[in-house]
N, C-alpha and C. Protein backbone atom coordinates (compact mmCIF):
# COMPACT_ATOMS: atom_id res chain seq x y z
N MET A 1 -1.51 -1.47 41.39
CA MET A 1 -0.55 -2.21 40.58
C MET A 1 -0.21 -3.53 41.27
N ASP A 2 -0.08 -3.54 42.60
CA ASP A 2 0.27 -4.76 43.32
C ASP A 2 -0.81 -5.83 43.15
N GLU A 3 -2.07 -5.40 43.16
CA GLU A 3 -3.16 -6.37 43.01
C GLU A 3 -3.14 -7.00 41.61
N VAL A 4 -2.84 -6.18 40.61
CA VAL A 4 -2.76 -6.68 39.23
C VAL A 4 -1.58 -7.65 39.10
N ALA A 5 -0.44 -7.27 39.68
CA ALA A 5 0.74 -8.14 39.61
C ALA A 5 0.45 -9.47 40.31
N GLY A 6 -0.22 -9.41 41.44
CA GLY A 6 -0.58 -10.64 42.15
C GLY A 6 -1.53 -11.49 41.35
N ALA A 7 -2.47 -10.85 40.65
CA ALA A 7 -3.45 -11.60 39.87
C ALA A 7 -2.80 -12.33 38.71
N ILE A 8 -1.80 -11.73 38.09
CA ILE A 8 -1.19 -12.37 36.92
C ILE A 8 0.01 -13.24 37.31
N ALA A 9 0.27 -13.37 38.61
CA ALA A 9 1.39 -14.19 39.07
C ALA A 9 1.14 -15.67 38.84
N ASP A 10 -0.11 -16.06 38.69
CA ASP A 10 -0.46 -17.48 38.53
C ASP A 10 -0.57 -17.82 37.04
N GLN A 11 0.02 -18.95 36.65
CA GLN A 11 0.02 -19.38 35.25
C GLN A 11 -1.39 -19.58 34.70
N VAL A 12 -2.29 -20.15 35.48
CA VAL A 12 -3.67 -20.38 35.01
C VAL A 12 -4.33 -19.04 34.70
N ARG A 13 -4.14 -18.06 35.56
CA ARG A 13 -4.76 -16.75 35.34
C ARG A 13 -4.17 -16.07 34.11
N ARG A 14 -2.87 -16.24 33.89
CA ARG A 14 -2.27 -15.66 32.67
C ARG A 14 -2.85 -16.32 31.43
N GLU A 15 -3.07 -17.64 31.50
CA GLU A 15 -3.67 -18.35 30.36
C GLU A 15 -5.09 -17.84 30.11
N ILE A 16 -5.83 -17.60 31.18
CA ILE A 16 -7.20 -17.08 31.02
C ILE A 16 -7.16 -15.72 30.33
N LEU A 17 -6.24 -14.86 30.73
CA LEU A 17 -6.14 -13.54 30.09
C LEU A 17 -5.82 -13.67 28.61
N LEU A 18 -4.94 -14.60 28.27
CA LEU A 18 -4.62 -14.82 26.86
C LEU A 18 -5.84 -15.31 26.08
N MET A 19 -6.63 -16.17 26.70
CA MET A 19 -7.85 -16.65 26.04
C MET A 19 -8.82 -15.50 25.80
N LEU A 20 -8.95 -14.63 26.79
CA LEU A 20 -9.89 -13.52 26.68
C LEU A 20 -9.41 -12.43 25.72
N ARG A 21 -8.14 -12.45 25.39
CA ARG A 21 -7.61 -11.49 24.43
C ARG A 21 -8.33 -11.62 23.09
N ASP A 22 -8.73 -12.84 22.75
CA ASP A 22 -9.40 -13.08 21.47
C ASP A 22 -10.88 -12.75 21.50
N GLY A 23 -11.43 -12.47 22.68
CA GLY A 23 -12.84 -12.10 22.78
C GLY A 23 -13.47 -12.69 24.04
N PRO A 24 -14.64 -12.20 24.39
CA PRO A 24 -15.32 -12.68 25.60
C PRO A 24 -15.64 -14.17 25.54
N LEU A 25 -15.60 -14.80 26.71
CA LEU A 25 -15.93 -16.22 26.84
C LEU A 25 -16.78 -16.42 28.08
N THR A 26 -17.58 -17.45 28.06
CA THR A 26 -18.34 -17.80 29.25
C THR A 26 -17.43 -18.53 30.23
N ALA A 27 -17.85 -18.56 31.49
CA ALA A 27 -17.07 -19.28 32.50
C ALA A 27 -16.92 -20.75 32.10
N GLY A 28 -17.96 -21.33 31.54
CA GLY A 28 -17.91 -22.73 31.11
C GLY A 28 -16.91 -22.96 29.99
N GLN A 29 -16.86 -22.04 29.03
CA GLN A 29 -15.89 -22.17 27.94
C GLN A 29 -14.46 -22.08 28.46
N ILE A 30 -14.25 -21.22 29.43
CA ILE A 30 -12.92 -21.09 30.02
C ILE A 30 -12.57 -22.37 30.78
N ALA A 31 -13.49 -22.84 31.61
CA ALA A 31 -13.24 -24.03 32.43
C ALA A 31 -12.97 -25.26 31.58
N ASP A 32 -13.64 -25.37 30.42
CA ASP A 32 -13.45 -26.53 29.55
C ASP A 32 -12.03 -26.65 29.02
N ARG A 33 -11.28 -25.57 29.02
CA ARG A 33 -9.92 -25.59 28.47
C ARG A 33 -8.86 -25.97 29.50
N PHE A 34 -9.29 -26.22 30.74
CA PHE A 34 -8.33 -26.55 31.79
C PHE A 34 -8.63 -27.92 32.37
N ALA A 35 -7.61 -28.56 32.88
CA ALA A 35 -7.76 -29.87 33.53
C ALA A 35 -7.92 -29.70 35.03
N ILE A 36 -8.48 -28.58 35.46
CA ILE A 36 -8.75 -28.35 36.88
C ILE A 36 -10.26 -28.21 37.05
N SER A 37 -10.72 -28.27 38.28
CA SER A 37 -12.16 -28.25 38.54
C SER A 37 -12.77 -26.90 38.19
N ARG A 38 -14.06 -26.89 37.92
CA ARG A 38 -14.77 -25.65 37.63
C ARG A 38 -14.73 -24.68 38.82
N PRO A 39 -14.88 -25.18 40.07
CA PRO A 39 -14.75 -24.25 41.19
C PRO A 39 -13.37 -23.59 41.26
N ALA A 40 -12.32 -24.32 40.89
CA ALA A 40 -10.97 -23.74 40.88
C ALA A 40 -10.88 -22.65 39.82
N VAL A 41 -11.45 -22.90 38.64
CA VAL A 41 -11.46 -21.88 37.58
C VAL A 41 -12.26 -20.67 38.05
N SER A 42 -13.37 -20.91 38.74
CA SER A 42 -14.20 -19.83 39.26
C SER A 42 -13.41 -18.96 40.23
N ARG A 43 -12.59 -19.57 41.06
CA ARG A 43 -11.76 -18.80 42.00
C ARG A 43 -10.73 -17.95 41.25
N HIS A 44 -10.15 -18.51 40.20
CA HIS A 44 -9.19 -17.75 39.39
C HIS A 44 -9.89 -16.56 38.74
N LEU A 45 -11.08 -16.78 38.22
CA LEU A 45 -11.83 -15.69 37.60
C LEU A 45 -12.18 -14.61 38.62
N ARG A 46 -12.49 -15.01 39.84
CA ARG A 46 -12.80 -14.03 40.89
C ARG A 46 -11.58 -13.16 41.19
N VAL A 47 -10.40 -13.77 41.28
CA VAL A 47 -9.18 -13.00 41.53
C VAL A 47 -8.95 -12.00 40.41
N LEU A 48 -9.11 -12.43 39.17
CA LEU A 48 -8.93 -11.54 38.01
C LEU A 48 -9.96 -10.42 38.02
N ARG A 49 -11.19 -10.73 38.38
CA ARG A 49 -12.25 -9.72 38.42
C ARG A 49 -11.96 -8.70 39.53
N GLU A 50 -11.55 -9.17 40.70
CA GLU A 50 -11.25 -8.26 41.81
C GLU A 50 -10.05 -7.36 41.51
N ALA A 51 -9.13 -7.85 40.70
CA ALA A 51 -7.98 -7.03 40.29
C ALA A 51 -8.37 -6.06 39.17
N GLY A 52 -9.54 -6.25 38.60
CA GLY A 52 -10.02 -5.34 37.56
C GLY A 52 -9.54 -5.65 36.16
N VAL A 53 -8.90 -6.81 35.95
CA VAL A 53 -8.39 -7.12 34.61
C VAL A 53 -9.39 -7.91 33.76
N VAL A 54 -10.48 -8.35 34.37
CA VAL A 54 -11.58 -8.93 33.60
C VAL A 54 -12.89 -8.33 34.13
N SER A 55 -13.85 -8.26 33.25
CA SER A 55 -15.19 -7.85 33.66
C SER A 55 -16.12 -9.02 33.38
N ASP A 56 -17.23 -9.06 34.09
CA ASP A 56 -18.20 -10.13 33.85
C ASP A 56 -19.59 -9.54 33.75
N THR A 57 -20.37 -10.17 32.89
CA THR A 57 -21.77 -9.77 32.73
C THR A 57 -22.62 -11.03 32.75
N ALA A 58 -23.85 -10.85 33.19
CA ALA A 58 -24.77 -11.98 33.22
C ALA A 58 -25.46 -12.09 31.87
N ASP A 59 -25.52 -13.32 31.38
CA ASP A 59 -26.24 -13.62 30.14
C ASP A 59 -27.13 -14.82 30.46
N GLY A 60 -28.29 -14.52 31.01
CA GLY A 60 -29.14 -15.60 31.49
C GLY A 60 -28.50 -16.21 32.72
N ARG A 61 -28.30 -17.52 32.69
CA ARG A 61 -27.65 -18.20 33.81
C ARG A 61 -26.13 -18.24 33.67
N ARG A 62 -25.63 -17.76 32.54
CA ARG A 62 -24.18 -17.82 32.28
C ARG A 62 -23.51 -16.49 32.64
N ARG A 63 -22.23 -16.57 32.99
CA ARG A 63 -21.40 -15.38 33.20
C ARG A 63 -20.45 -15.29 32.02
N VAL A 64 -20.40 -14.13 31.41
CA VAL A 64 -19.52 -13.89 30.27
C VAL A 64 -18.39 -12.97 30.74
N TYR A 65 -17.16 -13.40 30.50
CA TYR A 65 -15.98 -12.66 30.95
C TYR A 65 -15.28 -12.01 29.76
N ALA A 66 -14.80 -10.80 29.98
CA ALA A 66 -14.08 -10.06 28.95
C ALA A 66 -12.82 -9.45 29.57
N LEU A 67 -11.80 -9.31 28.76
CA LEU A 67 -10.53 -8.73 29.19
C LEU A 67 -10.66 -7.22 29.34
N VAL A 68 -10.06 -6.68 30.40
CA VAL A 68 -9.98 -5.23 30.61
C VAL A 68 -8.49 -4.91 30.73
N THR A 69 -7.95 -4.21 29.75
CA THR A 69 -6.50 -4.00 29.72
C THR A 69 -6.03 -2.75 30.47
N ALA A 70 -6.91 -1.82 30.77
CA ALA A 70 -6.50 -0.57 31.43
C ALA A 70 -5.70 -0.80 32.71
N PRO A 71 -6.11 -1.70 33.60
CA PRO A 71 -5.31 -1.90 34.82
C PRO A 71 -3.91 -2.45 34.55
N LEU A 72 -3.70 -3.05 33.40
CA LEU A 72 -2.39 -3.58 33.07
C LEU A 72 -1.42 -2.49 32.60
N ASP A 73 -1.96 -1.32 32.21
CA ASP A 73 -1.11 -0.25 31.69
C ASP A 73 -0.10 0.25 32.71
N GLU A 74 -0.52 0.43 33.96
CA GLU A 74 0.40 0.90 34.99
C GLU A 74 1.53 -0.10 35.21
N LEU A 75 1.18 -1.37 35.25
CA LEU A 75 2.19 -2.41 35.42
C LEU A 75 3.12 -2.45 34.21
N ALA A 76 2.57 -2.32 33.03
CA ALA A 76 3.39 -2.32 31.81
C ALA A 76 4.36 -1.14 31.80
N GLY A 77 3.91 0.02 32.25
CA GLY A 77 4.78 1.19 32.34
C GLY A 77 5.91 0.98 33.31
N TRP A 78 5.61 0.37 34.44
CA TRP A 78 6.64 0.09 35.43
C TRP A 78 7.67 -0.90 34.87
N LEU A 79 7.19 -1.94 34.21
CA LEU A 79 8.09 -2.93 33.61
C LEU A 79 8.96 -2.31 32.53
N GLU A 80 8.40 -1.37 31.78
CA GLU A 80 9.17 -0.71 30.73
C GLU A 80 10.34 0.07 31.32
N ARG A 81 10.13 0.67 32.49
CA ARG A 81 11.22 1.40 33.14
C ARG A 81 12.38 0.47 33.49
N LEU A 82 12.10 -0.80 33.73
CA LEU A 82 13.17 -1.75 34.02
C LEU A 82 13.98 -2.12 32.80
N THR A 83 13.34 -2.11 31.64
CA THR A 83 14.01 -2.60 30.44
C THR A 83 14.71 -1.51 29.64
N ARG A 84 14.36 -0.26 29.82
CA ARG A 84 15.05 0.78 29.06
C ARG A 84 16.20 1.32 29.89
N PRO A 85 17.20 1.89 29.24
CA PRO A 85 18.35 2.40 29.97
C PRO A 85 17.95 3.56 30.89
N ALA A 86 18.64 3.65 32.00
CA ALA A 86 18.41 4.77 32.91
C ALA A 86 18.83 6.06 32.21
N GLY A 87 18.39 7.18 32.72
CA GLY A 87 18.68 8.47 32.08
C GLY A 87 20.15 8.69 31.84
N TRP A 88 20.97 8.43 32.85
CA TRP A 88 22.40 8.64 32.70
C TRP A 88 23.02 7.64 31.74
N GLN A 89 22.57 6.42 31.73
CA GLN A 89 23.14 5.41 30.84
C GLN A 89 22.98 5.85 29.39
N HIS A 90 21.81 6.38 29.06
CA HIS A 90 21.56 6.84 27.69
C HIS A 90 22.53 7.97 27.33
N ARG A 91 22.74 8.90 28.26
CA ARG A 91 23.64 10.03 28.01
C ARG A 91 25.10 9.56 27.91
N LEU A 92 25.48 8.61 28.74
CA LEU A 92 26.85 8.10 28.67
C LEU A 92 27.09 7.36 27.36
N ASP A 93 26.09 6.65 26.86
CA ASP A 93 26.23 5.98 25.57
C ASP A 93 26.43 7.02 24.46
N ALA A 94 25.70 8.12 24.53
CA ALA A 94 25.84 9.18 23.53
C ALA A 94 27.22 9.82 23.62
N LEU A 95 27.72 10.01 24.84
CA LEU A 95 29.05 10.58 25.03
C LEU A 95 30.12 9.65 24.44
N GLU A 96 29.99 8.36 24.68
CA GLU A 96 30.95 7.39 24.14
C GLU A 96 30.96 7.45 22.62
N THR A 97 29.81 7.53 22.02
CA THR A 97 29.72 7.62 20.56
C THR A 97 30.42 8.88 20.06
N GLU A 98 30.22 9.98 20.75
CA GLU A 98 30.85 11.25 20.35
C GLU A 98 32.37 11.19 20.50
N VAL A 99 32.86 10.57 21.56
CA VAL A 99 34.31 10.43 21.76
C VAL A 99 34.93 9.62 20.62
N TYR A 100 34.34 8.51 20.26
CA TYR A 100 34.87 7.69 19.17
C TYR A 100 34.82 8.43 17.84
N ARG A 101 33.76 9.19 17.60
CA ARG A 101 33.65 9.96 16.35
C ARG A 101 34.76 11.01 16.29
N THR A 102 34.99 11.71 17.41
CA THR A 102 36.02 12.75 17.45
C THR A 102 37.40 12.15 17.23
N ARG A 103 37.69 11.02 17.86
CA ARG A 103 38.99 10.35 17.67
C ARG A 103 39.20 9.98 16.20
N ARG A 104 38.15 9.44 15.59
CA ARG A 104 38.26 9.02 14.19
C ARG A 104 38.52 10.23 13.30
N GLU A 105 37.85 11.34 13.57
CA GLU A 105 38.06 12.55 12.76
C GLU A 105 39.47 13.09 12.93
N ARG A 106 39.99 13.06 14.15
CA ARG A 106 41.35 13.55 14.40
C ARG A 106 42.39 12.67 13.71
N ARG A 107 42.18 11.35 13.74
CA ARG A 107 43.12 10.44 13.06
C ARG A 107 43.12 10.70 11.55
N SER A 108 41.95 10.90 10.98
CA SER A 108 41.91 11.13 9.54
C SER A 108 42.53 12.47 9.18
N ALA A 109 42.38 13.48 10.04
CA ALA A 109 42.96 14.79 9.75
C ALA A 109 44.48 14.76 9.92
N ALA A 110 45.00 13.96 10.83
CA ALA A 110 46.44 13.90 11.09
C ALA A 110 47.17 12.98 10.13
N ALA A 111 46.49 12.08 9.47
CA ALA A 111 47.14 11.13 8.55
C ALA A 111 47.63 11.88 7.32
N PRO A 112 48.89 11.62 6.91
CA PRO A 112 49.40 12.29 5.70
C PRO A 112 48.63 11.81 4.47
N ASP A 113 48.53 12.71 3.53
CA ASP A 113 47.84 12.33 2.28
C ASP A 113 48.64 11.24 1.60
N ARG A 114 47.95 10.28 1.12
CA ARG A 114 48.60 9.19 0.41
C ARG A 114 48.90 9.63 -1.01
N PRO A 115 50.09 9.29 -1.50
CA PRO A 115 50.37 9.65 -2.91
C PRO A 115 49.50 8.83 -3.84
N GLN A 116 49.07 9.48 -4.87
CA GLN A 116 48.23 8.79 -5.83
C GLN A 116 49.08 7.88 -6.69
N GLU A 117 48.53 6.76 -7.06
CA GLU A 117 49.25 5.82 -7.91
C GLU A 117 49.28 6.36 -9.32
N LYS A 118 50.45 6.15 -9.93
CA LYS A 118 50.58 6.62 -11.32
C LYS A 118 50.08 5.52 -12.23
N THR A 119 49.39 5.95 -13.23
CA THR A 119 48.92 4.97 -14.23
C THR A 119 49.73 5.18 -15.50
N ALA A 120 50.14 4.13 -16.15
CA ALA A 120 50.96 4.25 -17.34
C ALA A 120 50.19 4.08 -18.60
């Protein structure tokens, strides 16, 4: 998970992953979309490949890169734990709801019946 997190820590690498989401691209197609040198793009692709979030295949003299999402699943699961309430927080929220419901029911049971309006 640490290697994946490190790989996506760079904005250029995140952009590459977004590009590959739409389908495989050659290294040249990826490099053409950036204002950085081709060797710099190649280094970014190597980091992504070593982290396992992209795969590459040879197509003649070209390298074709594709997104691999499985290594991102562990990181996504960890991030999800940060955004959802902790176990006790969820239970305390349910308790608060129950307390308010019980108070409302007791107030309605204790309130005297209102006299009905007479119609003439």
